[in-house]
Amino acid sequence: MMTTRTRTPSEWCYAPGVERLNPQQAGFWRSILRPSYAGRVWDKVSAAVRAGDLGPAARLKPIAGGRRYELRIYVADVGDRDAVLRIRRVLRFRLGFVRAHQLL
């Protein structure tokens, strides 16, 4: 398990059967991570997405010259309140993020 990231291009993962998202409907949970947390958080999030337990896709992207990472966890339809709240519950209660919007 990688616990620290170095400056790399974006990493994407998709749920089974998902090839792309409709940008007109998709939304995302967003968090900014320190490099020391990015690897551990990405391991948990990408495993949950690939298992179909989270949203349809996620992305980890270096920003600020690699001093921070932006994590996005996508929802297929931002208007689907149940799906948005389900992702929040998975982040908080299954993956152990106390504040789902912070992901520290």
PDB file of N, CA and C in Angstrom:
ATOM      1  N   MET A   1       0.846  -1.173   0.000  1.00  0.00           N
ATOM      2  CA  MET A   1       0.000   0.000   0.000  1.00  0.00           C
ATOM      3  C   MET A   1       0.891   1.235   0.000  1.00  0.00           C
ATOM      4  N   MET A   2       0.629   2.136  -0.917  1.00  0.00           N
ATOM      5  CA  MET A   2       1.396   3.370  -1.003  1.00  0.00           C
ATOM      6  C   MET A   2       0.795   4.394  -0.045  1.00  0.00           C
ATOM      7  N   THR A   3       1.612   5.004   0.804  1.00  0.00           N
ATOM      8  CA  THR A   3       1.090   5.988   1.741  1.00  0.00           C
ATOM      9  C   THR A   3       1.459   7.407   1.351  1.00  0.00           C
ATOM     10  N   THR A   4       2.428   7.592   0.486  1.00  0.00           N
ATOM     11  CA  THR A   4       2.812   8.923   0.025  1.00  0.00           C
ATOM     12  C   THR A   4       2.856   8.917  -1.488  1.00  0.00           C
ATOM     13  N   ARG A   5       2.302   9.923  -2.101  1.00  0.00           N
ATOM     14  CA  ARG A   5       2.297  10.040  -3.549  1.00  0.00           C
ATOM     15  C   ARG A   5       3.389  11.002  -3.991  1.00  0.00           C
ATOM     16  N   THR A   6       3.855  10.814  -5.191  1.00  0.00           N
ATOM     17  CA  THR A   6       4.751  11.772  -5.816  1.00  0.00           C
ATOM     18  C   THR A   6       3.999  12.414  -6.968  1.00  0.00           C
ATOM     19  N   ARG A   7       4.575  13.384  -7.604  1.00  0.00           N
ATOM     20  CA  ARG A   7       3.897  14.095  -8.687  1.00  0.00           C
ATOM     21  C   ARG A   7       3.645  13.159  -9.867  1.00  0.00           C
ATOM     22  N   THR A   8       2.379  12.854 -10.097  1.00  0.00           N
ATOM     23  CA  THR A   8       1.983  11.944 -11.170  1.00  0.00           C
ATOM     24  C   THR A   8       0.764  12.511 -11.872  1.00  0.00           C
ATOM     25  N   PRO A   9       0.442  11.993 -13.058  1.00  0.00           N
ATOM     26  CA  PRO A   9      -0.803  12.409 -13.709  1.00  0.00           C
ATOM     27  C   PRO A   9      -2.004  11.908 -12.912  1.00  0.00           C
ATOM     28  N   SER A  10      -3.166  12.349 -13.304  1.00  0.00           N
ATOM     29  CA  SER A  10      -4.399  11.917 -12.642  1.00  0.00           C
ATOM     30  C   SER A  10      -4.561  10.405 -12.680  1.00  0.00           C
ATOM     31  N   GLU A  11      -5.109   9.871 -11.619  1.00  0.00           N
ATOM     32  CA  GLU A  11      -5.486   8.455 -11.569  1.00  0.00           C
ATOM     33  C   GLU A  11      -7.005   8.410 -11.545  1.00  0.00           C
ATOM     34  N   TRP A  12      -7.579   7.533 -12.356  1.00  0.00           N
ATOM     35  CA  TRP A  12      -9.025   7.334 -12.415  1.00  0.00           C
ATOM     36  C   TRP A  12      -9.349   5.892 -12.065  1.00  0.00           C
ATOM     37  N   CYS A  13     -10.525   5.674 -11.505  1.00  0.00           N
ATOM     38  CA  CYS A  13     -11.057   4.320 -11.378  1.00  0.00           C
ATOM     39  C   CYS A  13     -12.562   4.399 -11.626  1.00  0.00           C
ATOM     40  N   TYR A  14     -13.105   3.302 -12.127  1.00  0.00           N
ATOM     41  CA  TYR A  14     -14.522   3.247 -12.491  1.00  0.00           C
ATOM     42  C   TYR A  14     -15.184   2.022 -11.874  1.00  0.00           C
ATOM     43  N   ALA A  15     -16.469   2.161 -11.588  1.00  0.00           N
ATOM     44  CA  ALA A  15     -17.264   1.031 -11.128  1.00  0.00           C
ATOM     45  C   ALA A  15     -17.481   0.088 -12.305  1.00  0.00           C
ATOM     46  N   PRO A  16     -17.794  -1.180 -12.026  1.00  0.00           N
ATOM     47  CA  PRO A  16     -18.047  -2.128 -13.107  1.00  0.00           C
ATOM     48  C   PRO A  16     -19.151  -1.630 -14.045  1.00  0.00           C
ATOM     49  N   GLY A  17     -18.897  -1.718 -15.350  1.00  0.00           N
ATOM     50  CA  GLY A  17     -19.882  -1.333 -16.348  1.00  0.00           C
ATOM     51  C   GLY A  17     -19.929   0.151 -16.670  1.00  0.00           C
ATOM     52  N   VAL A  18     -19.121   0.962 -16.009  1.00  0.00           N
ATOM     53  CA  VAL A  18     -19.117   2.408 -16.259  1.00  0.00           C
ATOM     54  C   VAL A  18     -17.950   2.744 -17.174  1.00  0.00           C
ATOM     55  N   GLU A  19     -18.231   3.413 -18.268  1.00  0.00           N
ATOM     56  CA  GLU A  19     -17.176   3.819 -19.197  1.00  0.00           C
ATOM     57  C   GLU A  19     -16.965   5.320 -19.194  1.00  0.00           C
ATOM     58  N   ARG A  20     -18.049   6.071 -19.022  1.00  0.00           N
ATOM     59  CA  ARG A  20     -17.927   7.521 -18.942  1.00  0.00           C
ATOM     60  C   ARG A  20     -19.144   8.082 -18.240  1.00  0.00           C
ATOM     61  N   LEU A  21     -19.030   9.316 -17.776  1.00  0.00           N
ATOM     62  CA  LEU A  21     -20.116   9.986 -17.080  1.00  0.00           C
ATOM     63  C   LEU A  21     -20.715  11.061 -17.977  1.00  0.00           C
ATOM     64  N   ASN A  22     -21.987  11.329 -17.802  1.00  0.00           N
ATOM     65  CA  ASN A  22     -22.649  12.405 -18.523  1.00  0.00           C
ATOM     66  C   ASN A  22     -22.337  13.709 -17.789  1.00  0.00           C
ATOM     67  N   PRO A  23     -21.529  14.599 -18.390  1.00  0.00           N
ATOM     68  CA  PRO A  23     -21.135  15.819 -17.689  1.00  0.00           C
ATOM     69  C   PRO A  23     -22.304  16.755 -17.388  1.00  0.00           C
ATOM     70  N   GLN A  24     -23.423  16.578 -18.050  1.00  0.00           N
ATOM     71  CA  GLN A  24     -24.595  17.417 -17.808  1.00  0.00           C
ATOM     72  C   GLN A  24     -25.309  17.007 -16.516  1.00  0.00           C
ATOM     73  N   GLN A  25     -25.108  15.763 -16.072  1.00  0.00           N
ATOM     74  CA  GLN A  25     -25.800  15.265 -14.888  1.00  0.00           C
ATOM     75  C   GLN A  25     -24.863  14.962 -13.725  1.00  0.00           C
ATOM     76  N   ALA A  26     -23.635  14.624 -14.014  1.00  0.00           N
ATOM     77  CA  ALA A  26     -22.715  14.168 -12.966  1.00  0.00           C
ATOM     78  C   ALA A  26     -22.322  15.292 -12.022  1.00  0.00           C
ATOM     79  N   GLY A  27     -22.085  14.909 -10.808  1.00  0.00           N
ATOM     80  CA  GLY A  27     -21.559  15.803  -9.778  1.00  0.00           C
ATOM     81  C   GLY A  27     -20.491  15.047  -9.016  1.00  0.00           C
ATOM     82  N   PHE A  28     -19.892  15.676  -8.033  1.00  0.00           N
ATOM     83  CA  PHE A  28     -18.849  14.982  -7.285  1.00  0.00           C
ATOM     84  C   PHE A  28     -18.667  15.557  -5.893  1.00  0.00           C
ATOM     85  N   TRP A  29     -18.184  14.686  -5.013  1.00  0.00           N
ATOM     86  CA  TRP A  29     -17.665  15.086  -3.717  1.00  0.00           C
ATOM     87  C   TRP A  29     -16.202  15.429  -3.967  1.00  0.00           C
ATOM     88  N   ARG A  30     -15.715  16.509  -3.394  1.00  0.00           N
ATOM     89  CA  ARG A  30     -14.342  16.960  -3.641  1.00  0.00           C
ATOM     90  C   ARG A  30     -13.624  17.174  -2.321  1.00  0.00           C
ATOM     91  N   SER A  31     -12.367  16.775  -2.304  1.00  0.00           N
ATOM     92  CA  SER A  31     -11.544  16.991  -1.122  1.00  0.00           C
ATOM     93  C   SER A  31     -10.113  17.274  -1.543  1.00  0.00           C
ATOM     94  N   ILE A  32      -9.424  18.086  -0.768  1.00  0.00           N
ATOM     95  CA  ILE A  32      -8.014  18.358  -0.985  1.00  0.00           C
ATOM     96  C   ILE A  32      -7.241  17.603   0.088  1.00  0.00           C
ATOM     97  N   LEU A  33      -6.259  16.815  -0.346  1.00  0.00           N
ATOM     98  CA  LEU A  33      -5.510  15.946   0.564  1.00  0.00           C
ATOM     99  C   LEU A  33      -4.036  16.308   0.594  1.00  0.00           C
ATOM    100  N   ARG A  34      -3.432  16.087   1.727  1.00  0.00           N
ATOM    101  CA  ARG A  34      -1.981  16.181   1.835  1.00  0.00           C
ATOM    102  C   ARG A  34      -1.388  14.906   1.246  1.00  0.00           C
ATOM    103  N   PRO A  35      -0.183  14.988   0.684  1.00  0.00           N
ATOM    104  CA  PRO A  35       0.435  13.792   0.095  1.00  0.00           C
ATOM    105  C   PRO A  35       0.560  12.626   1.083  1.00  0.00           C
ATOM    106  N   SER A  36       0.759  12.916   2.347  1.00  0.00           N
ATOM    107  CA  SER A  36       0.913  11.839   3.324  1.00  0.00           C
ATOM    108  C   SER A  36      -0.366  11.023   3.509  1.00  0.00           C
ATOM    109  N   TYR A  37      -1.525  11.575   3.158  1.00  0.00           N
ATOM    110  CA  TYR A  37      -2.799  10.861   3.262  1.00  0.00           C
ATOM    111  C   TYR A  37      -3.304  10.347   1.921  1.00  0.00           C
ATOM    112  N   ALA A  38      -2.843  10.921   0.842  1.00  0.00           N
ATOM    113  CA  ALA A  38      -3.424  10.642  -0.472  1.00  0.00           C
ATOM    114  C   ALA A  38      -3.398   9.161  -0.838  1.00  0.00           C
ATOM    115  N   GLY A  39      -2.299   8.478  -0.588  1.00  0.00           N
ATOM    116  CA  GLY A  39      -2.196   7.067  -0.947  1.00  0.00           C
ATOM    117  C   GLY A  39      -3.173   6.192  -0.198  1.00  0.00           C
ATOM    118  N   ARG A  40      -3.262   6.397   1.109  1.00  0.00           N
ATOM    119  CA  ARG A  40      -4.190   5.587   1.924  1.00  0.00           C
ATOM    120  C   ARG A  40      -5.635   5.863   1.552  1.00  0.00           C
ATOM    121  N   VAL A  41      -5.983   7.130   1.363  1.00  0.00           N
ATOM    122  CA  VAL A  41      -7.348   7.484   0.988  1.00  0.00           C
ATOM    123  C   VAL A  41      -7.686   6.913  -0.391  1.00  0.00           C
ATOM    124  N   TRP A  42      -6.768   7.054  -1.350  1.00  0.00           N
ATOM    125  CA  TRP A  42      -7.011   6.546  -2.696  1.00  0.00           C
ATOM    126  C   TRP A  42      -7.183   5.034  -2.684  1.00  0.00           C
ATOM    127  N   ASP A  43      -6.393   4.320  -1.913  1.00  0.00           N
ATOM    128  CA  ASP A  43      -6.545   2.864  -1.839  1.00  0.00           C
ATOM    129  C   ASP A  43      -7.950   2.479  -1.392  1.00  0.00           C
ATOM    130  N   LYS A  44      -8.468   3.148  -0.365  1.00  0.00           N
ATOM    131  CA  LYS A  44      -9.817   2.848   0.138  1.00  0.00           C
ATOM    132  C   LYS A  44     -10.894   3.237  -0.871  1.00  0.00           C
ATOM    133  N   VAL A  45     -10.784   4.446  -1.400  1.00  0.00           N
ATOM    134  CA  VAL A  45     -11.804   4.951  -2.322  1.00  0.00           C
ATOM    135  C   VAL A  45     -11.821   4.150  -3.617  1.00  0.00           C
ATOM    136  N   SER A  46     -10.660   3.914  -4.216  1.00  0.00           N
ATOM    137  CA  SER A  46     -10.644   3.198  -5.500  1.00  0.00           C
ATOM    138  C   SER A  46     -11.141   1.765  -5.345  1.00  0.00           C
ATOM    139  N   ALA A  47     -10.832   1.109  -4.230  1.00  0.00           N
ATOM    140  CA  ALA A  47     -11.340  -0.250  -3.996  1.00  0.00           C
ATOM    141  C   ALA A  47     -12.864  -0.242  -3.879  1.00  0.00           C
ATOM    142  N   ALA A  48     -13.418   0.741  -3.174  1.00  0.00           N
ATOM    143  CA  ALA A  48     -14.875   0.819  -3.020  1.00  0.00           C
ATOM    144  C   ALA A  48     -15.563   1.128  -4.349  1.00  0.00           C
ATOM    145  N   VAL A  49     -14.962   1.985  -5.166  1.00  0.00           N
ATOM    146  CA  VAL A  49     -15.550   2.296  -6.479  1.00  0.00           C
ATOM    147  C   VAL A  49     -15.512   1.059  -7.367  1.00  0.00           C
ATOM    148  N   ARG A  50     -14.373   0.395  -7.438  1.00  0.00           N
ATOM    149  CA  ARG A  50     -14.251  -0.800  -8.294  1.00  0.00           C
ATOM    150  C   ARG A  50     -15.186  -1.927  -7.856  1.00  0.00           C
ATOM    151  N   ALA A  51     -15.501  -1.968  -6.570  1.00  0.00           N
ATOM    152  CA  ALA A  51     -16.424  -2.980  -6.061  1.00  0.00           C
ATOM    153  C   ALA A  51     -17.887  -2.584  -6.291  1.00  0.00           C
ATOM    154  N   GLY A  52     -18.111  -1.354  -6.767  1.00  0.00           N
ATOM    155  CA  GLY A  52     -19.476  -0.891  -6.995  1.00  0.00           C
ATOM    156  C   GLY A  52     -20.161  -0.403  -5.735  1.00  0.00           C
ATOM    157  N   ASP A  53     -19.392  -0.142  -4.679  1.00  0.00           N
ATOM    158  CA  ASP A  53     -19.963   0.260  -3.397  1.00  0.00           C
ATOM    159  C   ASP A  53     -20.025   1.764  -3.186  1.00  0.00           C
ATOM    160  N   LEU A  54     -19.376   2.519  -4.043  1.00  0.00           N
ATOM    161  CA  LEU A  54     -19.335   3.970  -3.860  1.00  0.00           C
ATOM    162  C   LEU A  54     -20.012   4.604  -5.067  1.00  0.00           C
ATOM    163  N   GLY A  55     -19.417   5.568  -5.711  1.00  0.00           N
ATOM    164  CA  GLY A  55     -20.001   6.177  -6.900  1.00  0.00           C
ATOM    165  C   GLY A  55     -19.512   5.476  -8.154  1.00  0.00           C
ATOM    166  N   PRO A  56     -19.891   5.985  -9.325  1.00  0.00           N
ATOM    167  CA  PRO A  56     -19.490   5.351 -10.570  1.00  0.00           C
ATOM    168  C   PRO A  56     -18.031   5.592 -10.948  1.00  0.00           C
ATOM    169  N   ALA A  57     -17.394   6.606 -10.353  1.00  0.00           N
ATOM    170  CA  ALA A  57     -16.005   6.910 -10.708  1.00  0.00           C
ATOM    171  C   ALA A  57     -15.367   7.750  -9.613  1.00  0.00           C
ATOM    172  N   ALA A  58     -14.037   7.761  -9.629  1.00  0.00           N
ATOM    173  CA  ALA A  58     -13.265   8.625  -8.724  1.00  0.00           C
ATOM    174  C   ALA A  58     -11.985   9.020  -9.434  1.00  0.00           C
ATOM    175  N   ARG A  59     -11.417  10.147  -9.008  1.00  0.00           N
ATOM    176  CA  ARG A  59     -10.174  10.627  -9.606  1.00  0.00           C
ATOM    177  C   ARG A  59      -9.293  11.230  -8.508  1.00  0.00           C
ATOM    178  N   LEU A  60      -8.001  10.957  -8.594  1.00  0.00           N
ATOM    179  CA  LEU A  60      -7.007  11.577  -7.721  1.00  0.00           C
ATOM    180  C   LEU A  60      -6.032  12.316  -8.620  1.00  0.00           C
ATOM    181  N   LYS A  61      -5.860  13.616  -8.373  1.00  0.00           N
ATOM    182  CA  LYS A  61      -5.051  14.459  -9.261  1.00  0.00           C
ATOM    183  C   LYS A  61      -4.129  15.343  -8.424  1.00  0.00           C
ATOM    184  N   PRO A  62      -2.833  15.374  -8.765  1.00  0.00           N
ATOM    185  CA  PRO A  62      -1.938  16.286  -8.052  1.00  0.00           C
ATOM    186  C   PRO A  62      -2.234  17.733  -8.425  1.00  0.00           C
ATOM    187  N   ILE A  63      -2.190  18.602  -7.429  1.00  0.00           N
ATOM    188  CA  ILE A  63      -2.362  20.040  -7.657  1.00  0.00           C
ATOM    189  C   ILE A  63      -1.287  20.778  -6.863  1.00  0.00           C
ATOM    190  N   ALA A  64      -1.186  22.043  -7.064  1.00  0.00           N
ATOM    191  CA  ALA A  64      -0.223  22.882  -6.336  1.00  0.00           C
ATOM    192  C   ALA A  64       1.188  22.321  -6.445  1.00  0.00           C
ATOM    193  N   GLY A  65       1.556  21.895  -7.651  1.00  0.00           N
ATOM    194  CA  GLY A  65       2.904  21.374  -7.862  1.00  0.00           C
ATOM    195  C   GLY A  65       3.174  20.079  -7.123  1.00  0.00           C
ATOM    196  N   GLY A  66       2.116  19.306  -6.835  1.00  0.00           N
ATOM    197  CA  GLY A  66       2.273  18.035  -6.128  1.00  0.00           C
ATOM    198  C   GLY A  66       2.276  18.172  -4.616  1.00  0.00           C
ATOM    199  N   ARG A  67       2.067  19.393  -4.112  1.00  0.00           N
ATOM    200  CA  ARG A  67       2.038  19.584  -2.659  1.00  0.00           C
ATOM    201  C   ARG A  67       0.695  19.212  -2.057  1.00  0.00           C
ATOM    202  N   ARG A  68      -0.309  19.050  -2.888  1.00  0.00           N
ATOM    203  CA  ARG A  68      -1.648  18.632  -2.471  1.00  0.00           C
ATOM    204  C   ARG A  68      -2.230  17.746  -3.567  1.00  0.00           C
ATOM    205  N   TYR A  69      -3.290  17.016  -3.213  1.00  0.00           N
ATOM    206  CA  TYR A  69      -4.012  16.183  -4.172  1.00  0.00           C
ATOM    207  C   TYR A  69      -5.490  16.499  -4.088  1.00  0.00           C
ATOM    208  N   GLU A  70      -6.121  16.556  -5.265  1.00  0.00           N
ATOM    209  CA  GLU A  70      -7.558  16.740  -5.323  1.00  0.00           C
ATOM    210  C   GLU A  70      -8.192  15.373  -5.563  1.00  0.00           C
ATOM    211  N   LEU A  71      -9.107  15.004  -4.684  1.00  0.00           N
ATOM    212  CA  LEU A  71      -9.851  13.762  -4.820  1.00  0.00           C
ATOM    213  C   LEU A  71     -11.279  14.116  -5.184  1.00  0.00           C
ATOM    214  N   ARG A  72     -11.785  13.480  -6.235  1.00  0.00           N
ATOM    215  CA  ARG A  72     -13.178  13.629  -6.617  1.00  0.00           C
ATOM    216  C   ARG A  72     -13.833  12.254  -6.626  1.00  0.00           C
ATOM    217  N   ILE A  73     -14.973  12.166  -5.975  1.00  0.00           N
ATOM    218  CA  ILE A  73     -15.777  10.953  -5.984  1.00  0.00           C
ATOM    219  C   ILE A  73     -17.090  11.338  -6.667  1.00  0.00           C
ATOM    220  N   TYR A  74     -17.322  10.754  -7.815  1.00  0.00           N
ATOM    221  CA  TYR A  74     -18.426  11.177  -8.671  1.00  0.00           C
ATOM    222  C   TYR A  74     -19.734  10.479  -8.327  1.00  0.00           C
ATOM    223  N   VAL A  75     -20.813  11.186  -8.597  1.00  0.00           N
ATOM    224  CA  VAL A  75     -22.165  10.645  -8.559  1.00  0.00           C
ATOM    225  C   VAL A  75     -22.736  10.842  -9.965  1.00  0.00           C
ATOM    226  N   ALA A  76     -23.420   9.835 -10.486  1.00  0.00           N
ATOM    227  CA  ALA A  76     -23.889   9.870 -11.871  1.00  0.00           C
ATOM    228  C   ALA A  76     -24.898  10.989 -12.119  1.00  0.00           C
ATOM    229  N   ASP A  77     -25.768  11.253 -11.150  1.00  0.00           N
ATOM    230  CA  ASP A  77     -26.800  12.280 -11.308  1.00  0.00           C
ATOM    231  C   ASP A  77     -26.857  13.110 -10.030  1.00  0.00           C
ATOM    232  N   VAL A  78     -26.351  14.320 -10.106  1.00  0.00           N
ATOM    233  CA  VAL A  78     -26.292  15.185  -8.932  1.00  0.00           C
ATOM    234  C   VAL A  78     -27.691  15.504  -8.390  1.00  0.00           C
ATOM    235  N   GLY A  79     -28.703  15.347  -9.210  1.00  0.00           N
ATOM    236  CA  GLY A  79     -30.071  15.561  -8.766  1.00  0.00           C
ATOM    237  C   GLY A  79     -30.669  14.389  -8.015  1.00  0.00           C
ATOM    238  N   ASP A  80     -29.966  13.275  -7.982  1.00  0.00           N
ATOM    239  CA  ASP A  80     -30.432  12.078  -7.276  1.00  0.00           C
ATOM    240  C   ASP A  80     -29.971  12.153  -5.824  1.00  0.00           C
ATOM    241  N   ARG A  81     -30.802  12.763  -4.997  1.00  0.00           N
ATOM    242  CA  ARG A  81     -30.435  13.000  -3.592  1.00  0.00           C
ATOM    243  C   ARG A  81     -30.096  11.707  -2.864  1.00  0.00           C
ATOM    244  N   ASP A  82     -30.831  10.647  -3.131  1.00  0.00           N
ATOM    245  CA  ASP A  82     -30.567   9.363  -2.471  1.00  0.00           C
ATOM    246  C   ASP A  82     -29.163   8.856  -2.796  1.00  0.00           C
ATOM    247  N   ALA A  83     -28.741   8.981  -4.059  1.00  0.00           N
ATOM    248  CA  ALA A  83     -27.398   8.532  -4.453  1.00  0.00           C
ATOM    249  C   ALA A  83     -26.325   9.388  -3.792  1.00  0.00           C
ATOM    250  N   VAL A  84     -26.547  10.689  -3.745  1.00  0.00           N
ATOM    251  CA  VAL A  84     -25.580  11.593  -3.112  1.00  0.00           C
ATOM    252  C   VAL A  84     -25.417  11.240  -1.633  1.00  0.00           C
ATOM    253  N   LEU A  85     -26.522  11.036  -0.948  1.00  0.00           N
ATOM    254  CA  LEU A  85     -26.467  10.710   0.478  1.00  0.00           C
ATOM    255  C   LEU A  85     -25.920   9.304   0.726  1.00  0.00           C
ATOM    256  N   ARG A  86     -26.181   8.370  -0.198  1.00  0.00           N
ATOM    257  CA  ARG A  86     -25.627   7.025  -0.060  1.00  0.00           C
ATOM    258  C   ARG A  86     -24.102   7.077  -0.103  1.00  0.00           C
ATOM    259  N   ILE A  87     -23.549   7.864  -1.034  1.00  0.00           N
ATOM    260  CA  ILE A  87     -22.094   8.007  -1.126  1.00  0.00           C
ATOM    261  C   ILE A  87     -21.556   8.606   0.172  1.00  0.00           C
ATOM    262  N   ARG A  88     -22.235   9.595   0.693  1.00  0.00           N
ATOM    263  CA  ARG A  88     -21.822  10.206   1.958  1.00  0.00           C
ATOM    264  C   ARG A  88     -21.801   9.179   3.089  1.00  0.00           C
ATOM    265  N   ARG A  89     -22.847   8.351   3.158  1.00  0.00           N
ATOM    266  CA  ARG A  89     -22.899   7.318   4.207  1.00  0.00           C
ATOM    267  C   ARG A  89     -21.759   6.314   4.064  1.00  0.00           C
ATOM    268  N   VAL A  90     -21.470   5.886   2.837  1.00  0.00           N
ATOM    269  CA  VAL A  90     -20.369   4.941   2.616  1.00  0.00           C
ATOM    270  C   VAL A  90     -19.049   5.569   3.053  1.00  0.00           C
ATOM    271  N   LEU A  91     -18.822   6.823   2.683  1.00  0.00           N
ATOM    272  CA  LEU A  91     -17.591   7.500   3.084  1.00  0.00           C
ATOM    273  C   LEU A  91     -17.461   7.577   4.593  1.00  0.00           C
ATOM    274  N   ARG A  92     -18.526   7.924   5.256  1.00  0.00           N
ATOM    275  CA  ARG A  92     -18.477   8.092   6.713  1.00  0.00           C
ATOM    276  C   ARG A  92     -18.429   6.773   7.472  1.00  0.00           C
ATOM    277  N   PHE A  93     -19.365   5.896   7.185  1.00  0.00           N
ATOM    278  CA  PHE A  93     -19.557   4.737   8.046  1.00  0.00           C
ATOM    279  C   PHE A  93     -18.839   3.477   7.592  1.00  0.00           C
ATOM    280  N   ARG A  94     -18.639   3.313   6.296  1.00  0.00           N
ATOM    281  CA  ARG A  94     -17.946   2.117   5.813  1.00  0.00           C
ATOM    282  C   ARG A  94     -16.459   2.319   5.642  1.00  0.00           C
ATOM    283  N   LEU A  95     -16.084   3.494   5.130  1.00  0.00           N
ATOM    284  CA  LEU A  95     -14.672   3.749   4.884  1.00  0.00           C
ATOM    285  C   LEU A  95     -14.006   4.482   6.050  1.00  0.00           C
ATOM    286  N   GLY A  96     -14.801   4.961   6.988  1.00  0.00           N
ATOM    287  CA  GLY A  96     -14.248   5.528   8.209  1.00  0.00           C
ATOM    288  C   GLY A  96     -13.837   6.982   8.159  1.00  0.00           C
ATOM    289  N   PHE A  97     -14.306   7.730   7.181  1.00  0.00           N
ATOM    290  CA  PHE A  97     -13.999   9.149   7.139  1.00  0.00           C
ATOM    291  C   PHE A  97     -14.996   9.890   8.021  1.00  0.00           C
ATOM    292  N   VAL A  98     -14.515  10.466   9.105  1.00  0.00           N
ATOM    293  CA  VAL A  98     -15.387  11.094  10.066  1.00  0.00           C
ATOM    294  C   VAL A  98     -16.160  12.246   9.446  1.00  0.00           C
ATOM    295  N   ARG A  99     -15.474  13.052   8.697  1.00  0.00           N
ATOM    296  CA  ARG A  99     -16.127  14.150   7.973  1.00  0.00           C
ATOM    297  C   ARG A  99     -15.990  13.847   6.495  1.00  0.00           C
ATOM    298  N   ALA A 100     -17.066  13.353   5.897  1.00  0.00           N
ATOM    299  CA  ALA A 100     -16.999  12.900   4.502  1.00  0.00           C
ATOM    300  C   ALA A 100     -16.568  14.004   3.560  1.00  0.00           C
ATOM    301  N   HIS A 101     -16.834  15.255   3.882  1.00  0.00           N
ATOM    302  CA  HIS A 101     -16.467  16.347   2.987  1.00  0.00           C
ATOM    303  C   HIS A 101     -15.003  16.743   3.155  1.00  0.00           C
ATOM    304  N   GLN A 102     -14.327  16.255   4.193  1.00  0.00           N
ATOM    305  CA  GLN A 102     -12.936  16.643   4.411  1.00  0.00           C
ATOM    306  C   GLN A 102     -11.948  15.557   4.031  1.00  0.00           C
ATOM    307  N   LEU A 103     -12.272  14.300   4.285  1.00  0.00           N
ATOM    308  CA  LEU A 103     -11.406  13.174   3.932  1.00  0.00           C
ATOM    309  C   LEU A 103      -9.962  13.355   4.380  1.00  0.00           C
ATOM    310  N   LEU A 104      -9.762  13.711   5.618  1.00  0.00           N
ATOM    311  CA  LEU A 104      -8.409  13.871   6.134  1.00  0.00           C
ATOM    312  C   LEU A 104      -7.902  12.567   6.680  1.00  0.00           C
TER     313      LEU A 104
END
